[in-house]
N, C-alpha and C. Protein backbone atom coordinates (compact mmCIF):
# COMPACT_ATOMS: atom_id res chain seq x y z
N MET A 1 204.20 -155.80 133.46
CA MET A 1 204.98 -155.03 134.41
C MET A 1 206.46 -155.37 134.30
N ALA A 2 206.76 -156.67 134.11
CA ALA A 2 208.15 -157.10 133.98
C ALA A 2 208.78 -156.53 132.72
N ALA A 3 207.97 -156.42 131.65
CA ALA A 3 208.49 -155.86 130.40
C ALA A 3 208.82 -154.38 130.57
N LEU A 4 207.98 -153.66 131.29
CA LEU A 4 208.22 -152.25 131.55
C LEU A 4 209.47 -152.05 132.38
N LEU A 5 209.65 -152.89 133.37
CA LEU A 5 210.84 -152.83 134.22
C LEU A 5 212.10 -153.13 133.41
N ALA A 6 212.03 -154.12 132.54
CA ALA A 6 213.18 -154.48 131.70
C ALA A 6 213.50 -153.35 130.73
N LEU A 7 212.47 -152.73 130.16
CA LEU A 7 212.67 -151.62 129.23
C LEU A 7 213.31 -150.43 129.93
N SER A 8 212.79 -150.07 131.10
CA SER A 8 213.35 -148.92 131.82
C SER A 8 214.77 -149.20 132.29
N ALA A 9 215.06 -150.43 132.68
CA ALA A 9 216.43 -150.78 133.08
C ALA A 9 217.36 -150.73 131.88
N GLY A 10 216.86 -151.14 130.73
CA GLY A 10 217.67 -151.11 129.51
C GLY A 10 217.97 -149.70 129.05
N LEU A 11 217.03 -148.78 129.26
CA LEU A 11 217.24 -147.40 128.84
C LEU A 11 217.96 -146.56 129.89
N ALA A 12 218.07 -147.04 131.09
CA ALA A 12 218.70 -146.27 132.17
C ALA A 12 220.16 -145.95 131.88
N TRP A 13 220.83 -146.78 131.11
CA TRP A 13 222.24 -146.52 130.82
C TRP A 13 222.42 -145.28 129.93
N LEU A 14 221.34 -144.80 129.29
CA LEU A 14 221.43 -143.61 128.45
C LEU A 14 221.47 -142.32 129.27
N LEU A 15 221.04 -142.35 130.50
CA LEU A 15 220.95 -141.13 131.30
C LEU A 15 222.27 -140.40 131.47
N PRO A 16 223.40 -141.05 131.73
CA PRO A 16 224.64 -140.30 131.94
C PRO A 16 225.28 -139.76 130.66
N LEU A 17 224.79 -140.13 129.49
CA LEU A 17 225.43 -139.70 128.25
C LEU A 17 225.50 -138.19 128.07
N PRO A 18 224.45 -137.40 128.34
CA PRO A 18 224.60 -135.95 128.20
C PRO A 18 225.68 -135.38 129.12
N ALA A 19 225.83 -135.90 130.31
CA ALA A 19 226.86 -135.41 131.22
C ALA A 19 228.25 -135.71 130.68
N VAL A 20 228.43 -136.88 130.09
CA VAL A 20 229.72 -137.23 129.50
C VAL A 20 230.02 -136.32 128.32
N ALA A 21 229.02 -136.02 127.52
CA ALA A 21 229.21 -135.14 126.37
C ALA A 21 229.61 -133.74 126.81
N GLN A 22 229.02 -133.24 127.88
CA GLN A 22 229.37 -131.91 128.38
C GLN A 22 230.77 -131.89 128.95
N ASP A 23 231.18 -132.98 129.56
CA ASP A 23 232.50 -133.03 130.17
C ASP A 23 233.61 -133.00 129.14
N THR A 24 233.37 -133.50 127.96
CA THR A 24 234.41 -133.58 126.94
C THR A 24 234.31 -132.47 125.90
N MET A 25 233.46 -131.48 126.12
CA MET A 25 233.31 -130.40 125.16
C MET A 25 234.58 -129.57 125.06
N GLN A 26 234.93 -129.20 123.86
CA GLN A 26 236.05 -128.29 123.64
C GLN A 26 235.54 -126.86 123.75
N ARG A 27 236.34 -126.01 124.39
CA ARG A 27 235.95 -124.61 124.47
C ARG A 27 236.34 -123.91 123.18
N PRO A 28 235.53 -122.96 122.73
CA PRO A 28 235.83 -122.27 121.47
C PRO A 28 236.86 -121.15 121.67
N ILE A 29 238.10 -121.52 121.95
CA ILE A 29 239.17 -120.53 122.09
C ILE A 29 239.75 -120.30 120.70
N PRO A 30 239.76 -119.05 120.21
CA PRO A 30 240.28 -118.80 118.86
C PRO A 30 241.74 -119.21 118.72
N ILE A 31 242.10 -119.65 117.54
CA ILE A 31 243.48 -120.04 117.26
C ILE A 31 244.41 -118.84 117.45
N ALA A 32 243.92 -117.64 117.14
CA ALA A 32 244.74 -116.43 117.24
C ALA A 32 244.97 -115.98 118.68
N ALA A 33 244.27 -116.58 119.64
CA ALA A 33 244.43 -116.17 121.05
C ALA A 33 245.84 -116.51 121.52
N LYS A 34 246.47 -115.52 122.14
CA LYS A 34 247.83 -115.70 122.65
C LYS A 34 247.78 -116.26 124.06
N ARG A 35 248.89 -116.82 124.49
CA ARG A 35 248.99 -117.43 125.82
C ARG A 35 249.81 -116.51 126.72
N GLY A 36 249.42 -116.43 128.00
CA GLY A 36 250.17 -115.60 128.92
C GLY A 36 249.82 -115.88 130.37
N LEU A 37 250.61 -115.28 131.25
CA LEU A 37 250.37 -115.38 132.69
C LEU A 37 249.76 -114.06 133.14
N LEU A 38 248.53 -114.10 133.62
CA LEU A 38 247.78 -112.90 133.98
C LEU A 38 247.68 -112.76 135.48
N VAL A 39 247.94 -111.54 135.97
CA VAL A 39 247.72 -111.19 137.37
C VAL A 39 246.90 -109.91 137.37
N VAL A 40 245.71 -109.95 137.94
CA VAL A 40 244.88 -108.75 138.07
C VAL A 40 245.37 -108.01 139.30
N THR A 41 245.83 -106.76 139.11
CA THR A 41 246.33 -105.98 140.24
C THR A 41 245.23 -105.12 140.84
N GLN A 42 244.69 -104.22 140.04
CA GLN A 42 243.55 -103.40 140.46
C GLN A 42 242.73 -103.14 139.20
N PRO A 43 241.62 -103.87 139.03
CA PRO A 43 240.89 -103.79 137.77
C PRO A 43 240.61 -102.35 137.35
N PRO A 44 240.85 -102.01 136.12
CA PRO A 44 241.20 -102.84 134.97
C PRO A 44 242.71 -103.03 134.76
N GLU A 45 243.51 -102.64 135.73
CA GLU A 45 244.96 -102.79 135.60
C GLU A 45 245.37 -104.23 135.88
N VAL A 46 246.26 -104.76 135.03
CA VAL A 46 246.74 -106.14 135.18
C VAL A 46 248.23 -106.19 134.85
N LEU A 47 248.82 -107.30 135.21
CA LEU A 47 250.16 -107.63 134.74
C LEU A 47 250.00 -108.83 133.81
N LEU A 48 250.53 -108.72 132.62
CA LEU A 48 250.49 -109.82 131.66
C LEU A 48 251.93 -110.19 131.36
N ASP A 49 252.31 -111.39 131.74
CA ASP A 49 253.70 -111.85 131.61
C ASP A 49 254.66 -110.88 132.30
N GLY A 50 254.22 -110.33 133.43
CA GLY A 50 255.06 -109.46 134.24
C GLY A 50 255.09 -108.00 133.80
N ARG A 51 254.40 -107.64 132.73
CA ARG A 51 254.38 -106.26 132.24
C ARG A 51 253.01 -105.64 132.47
N PRO A 52 252.97 -104.35 132.82
CA PRO A 52 251.68 -103.68 133.03
C PRO A 52 250.84 -103.69 131.76
N ASP A 53 249.56 -103.92 131.93
CA ASP A 53 248.63 -103.94 130.80
C ASP A 53 247.27 -103.51 131.32
N ARG A 54 246.27 -103.50 130.44
CA ARG A 54 244.95 -103.02 130.84
C ARG A 54 243.86 -103.85 130.17
N LEU A 55 242.80 -104.13 130.94
CA LEU A 55 241.61 -104.80 130.40
C LEU A 55 240.75 -103.76 129.69
N SER A 56 240.12 -104.15 128.61
CA SER A 56 239.23 -103.24 127.90
C SER A 56 237.90 -103.12 128.65
N PRO A 57 237.14 -102.05 128.38
CA PRO A 57 235.79 -102.00 128.93
C PRO A 57 234.99 -103.17 128.35
N GLY A 58 234.29 -103.91 129.19
CA GLY A 58 233.50 -105.05 128.73
C GLY A 58 234.30 -106.32 128.54
N THR A 59 235.46 -106.39 129.16
CA THR A 59 236.27 -107.61 129.07
C THR A 59 235.47 -108.81 129.54
N ARG A 60 235.61 -109.91 128.81
CA ARG A 60 234.97 -111.17 129.19
C ARG A 60 236.06 -112.14 129.62
N ILE A 61 236.02 -112.53 130.89
CA ILE A 61 236.96 -113.51 131.41
C ILE A 61 236.18 -114.79 131.67
N ARG A 62 236.58 -115.86 131.02
CA ARG A 62 235.89 -117.14 131.19
C ARG A 62 236.75 -118.04 132.06
N GLY A 63 236.14 -118.61 133.08
CA GLY A 63 236.85 -119.49 134.00
C GLY A 63 237.07 -120.87 133.39
N ARG A 64 237.65 -121.75 134.19
CA ARG A 64 237.94 -123.11 133.73
C ARG A 64 236.68 -123.88 133.34
N ASN A 65 235.54 -123.48 133.91
CA ASN A 65 234.26 -124.12 133.59
C ASN A 65 233.51 -123.36 132.49
N ASN A 66 234.17 -122.38 131.89
CA ASN A 66 233.66 -121.56 130.80
C ASN A 66 232.58 -120.57 131.23
N LEU A 67 232.38 -120.39 132.53
CA LEU A 67 231.46 -119.37 133.02
C LEU A 67 232.22 -118.06 133.19
N LEU A 68 231.51 -116.94 133.11
CA LEU A 68 232.17 -115.64 133.25
C LEU A 68 232.66 -115.43 134.68
N VAL A 69 233.83 -114.81 134.78
CA VAL A 69 234.47 -114.53 136.07
C VAL A 69 234.71 -113.02 136.14
N LEU A 70 234.43 -112.42 137.27
CA LEU A 70 234.70 -110.99 137.45
C LEU A 70 236.18 -110.78 137.70
N SER A 71 236.74 -109.74 137.08
CA SER A 71 238.18 -109.49 137.24
C SER A 71 238.54 -109.23 138.70
N ALA A 72 237.64 -108.62 139.46
CA ALA A 72 237.93 -108.34 140.87
C ALA A 72 238.10 -109.61 141.69
N SER A 73 237.51 -110.71 141.25
CA SER A 73 237.65 -111.96 142.00
C SER A 73 239.01 -112.62 141.76
N LEU A 74 239.78 -112.09 140.83
CA LEU A 74 241.09 -112.66 140.51
C LEU A 74 242.25 -111.82 141.03
N VAL A 75 241.96 -110.76 141.78
CA VAL A 75 243.03 -109.87 142.25
C VAL A 75 244.09 -110.66 143.01
N GLY A 76 245.34 -110.48 142.58
CA GLY A 76 246.47 -111.11 143.24
C GLY A 76 246.76 -112.54 142.84
N GLN A 77 245.91 -113.15 142.03
CA GLN A 77 246.12 -114.54 141.61
C GLN A 77 246.86 -114.58 140.27
N GLU A 78 247.80 -115.51 140.15
CA GLU A 78 248.46 -115.75 138.86
C GLU A 78 247.68 -116.85 138.15
N VAL A 79 247.20 -116.56 136.95
CA VAL A 79 246.45 -117.55 136.19
C VAL A 79 247.01 -117.63 134.77
N LEU A 80 247.14 -118.86 134.28
CA LEU A 80 247.58 -119.08 132.91
C LEU A 80 246.37 -118.93 132.02
N VAL A 81 246.49 -118.09 131.00
CA VAL A 81 245.34 -117.74 130.17
C VAL A 81 245.70 -117.76 128.69
N ARG A 82 244.65 -117.73 127.89
CA ARG A 82 244.76 -117.37 126.48
C ARG A 82 243.91 -116.12 126.36
N TYR A 83 244.33 -115.18 125.52
CA TYR A 83 243.63 -113.90 125.45
C TYR A 83 243.66 -113.33 124.03
N VAL A 84 242.69 -112.43 123.79
CA VAL A 84 242.58 -111.71 122.52
C VAL A 84 242.50 -110.23 122.86
N ARG A 85 243.18 -109.41 122.07
CA ARG A 85 243.18 -107.96 122.29
C ARG A 85 242.19 -107.26 121.36
N THR A 86 241.81 -106.04 121.75
CA THR A 86 241.00 -105.18 120.89
C THR A 86 241.93 -104.56 119.85
N PRO A 87 241.37 -103.92 118.82
CA PRO A 87 242.23 -103.22 117.85
C PRO A 87 243.07 -102.12 118.51
N GLU A 88 242.61 -101.60 119.65
CA GLU A 88 243.35 -100.56 120.36
C GLU A 88 244.47 -101.13 121.22
N GLY A 89 244.52 -102.46 121.35
CA GLY A 89 245.59 -103.10 122.11
C GLY A 89 245.24 -103.52 123.52
N GLN A 90 244.02 -103.28 123.96
CA GLN A 90 243.63 -103.70 125.31
C GLN A 90 243.18 -105.16 125.30
N ILE A 91 243.32 -105.83 126.44
CA ILE A 91 242.92 -107.23 126.58
C ILE A 91 241.40 -107.28 126.65
N HIS A 92 240.77 -108.08 125.77
CA HIS A 92 239.31 -108.07 125.72
C HIS A 92 238.67 -109.42 126.07
N ASP A 93 239.13 -110.50 125.47
CA ASP A 93 238.59 -111.83 125.76
C ASP A 93 239.68 -112.66 126.42
N VAL A 94 239.33 -113.30 127.55
CA VAL A 94 240.31 -114.08 128.31
C VAL A 94 239.69 -115.43 128.66
N TRP A 95 240.48 -116.49 128.49
CA TRP A 95 240.08 -117.83 128.91
C TRP A 95 241.10 -118.33 129.91
N ILE A 96 240.68 -118.61 131.14
CA ILE A 96 241.57 -119.22 132.14
C ILE A 96 241.69 -120.69 131.76
N LEU A 97 242.92 -121.17 131.61
CA LEU A 97 243.15 -122.51 131.09
C LEU A 97 242.96 -123.59 132.15
N THR A 98 242.38 -124.69 131.73
CA THR A 98 242.29 -125.88 132.58
C THR A 98 243.66 -126.55 132.59
N GLU A 99 243.83 -127.56 133.44
CA GLU A 99 245.11 -128.29 133.48
C GLU A 99 245.43 -128.90 132.12
N ALA A 100 244.44 -129.51 131.50
CA ALA A 100 244.66 -130.15 130.19
C ALA A 100 245.03 -129.12 129.13
N GLU A 101 244.35 -127.97 129.14
CA GLU A 101 244.65 -126.92 128.17
C GLU A 101 246.03 -126.32 128.42
N ALA A 102 246.41 -126.20 129.68
CA ALA A 102 247.72 -125.65 130.03
C ALA A 102 248.84 -126.56 129.56
N GLN A 103 248.63 -127.87 129.63
CA GLN A 103 249.66 -128.82 129.22
C GLN A 103 249.76 -128.95 127.71
N ALA A 104 248.67 -128.67 127.01
CA ALA A 104 248.68 -128.77 125.54
C ALA A 104 249.46 -127.60 124.96
N LYS A 105 250.22 -127.87 123.94
CA LYS A 105 250.98 -126.81 123.28
C LYS A 105 250.06 -126.06 122.33
N PRO A 106 250.10 -124.72 122.37
CA PRO A 106 249.22 -123.94 121.49
C PRO A 106 249.61 -124.05 120.03
């Protein structure tokens, strides 16, 4: 019984490792993604760096936790983002930057 207890105590330190690995994961933001200040006015209408712009149909906006965010939930908020456009020029993929990503130079 003592050996089992010692073994389980010895292995218990491994439990937090997956959480640490997830916390330090890099998000797959393309190098070609541009940086800008996004304000959703009335979806799909937005202001990007103070100029009127438009989200494409099927736009994917990823929040700071990399989960998808609905554009309507961002109405009126200024968020620092990296984004990719469609060949037609509409904004298609958006990543809302974390504090660390915002401080890093692209």
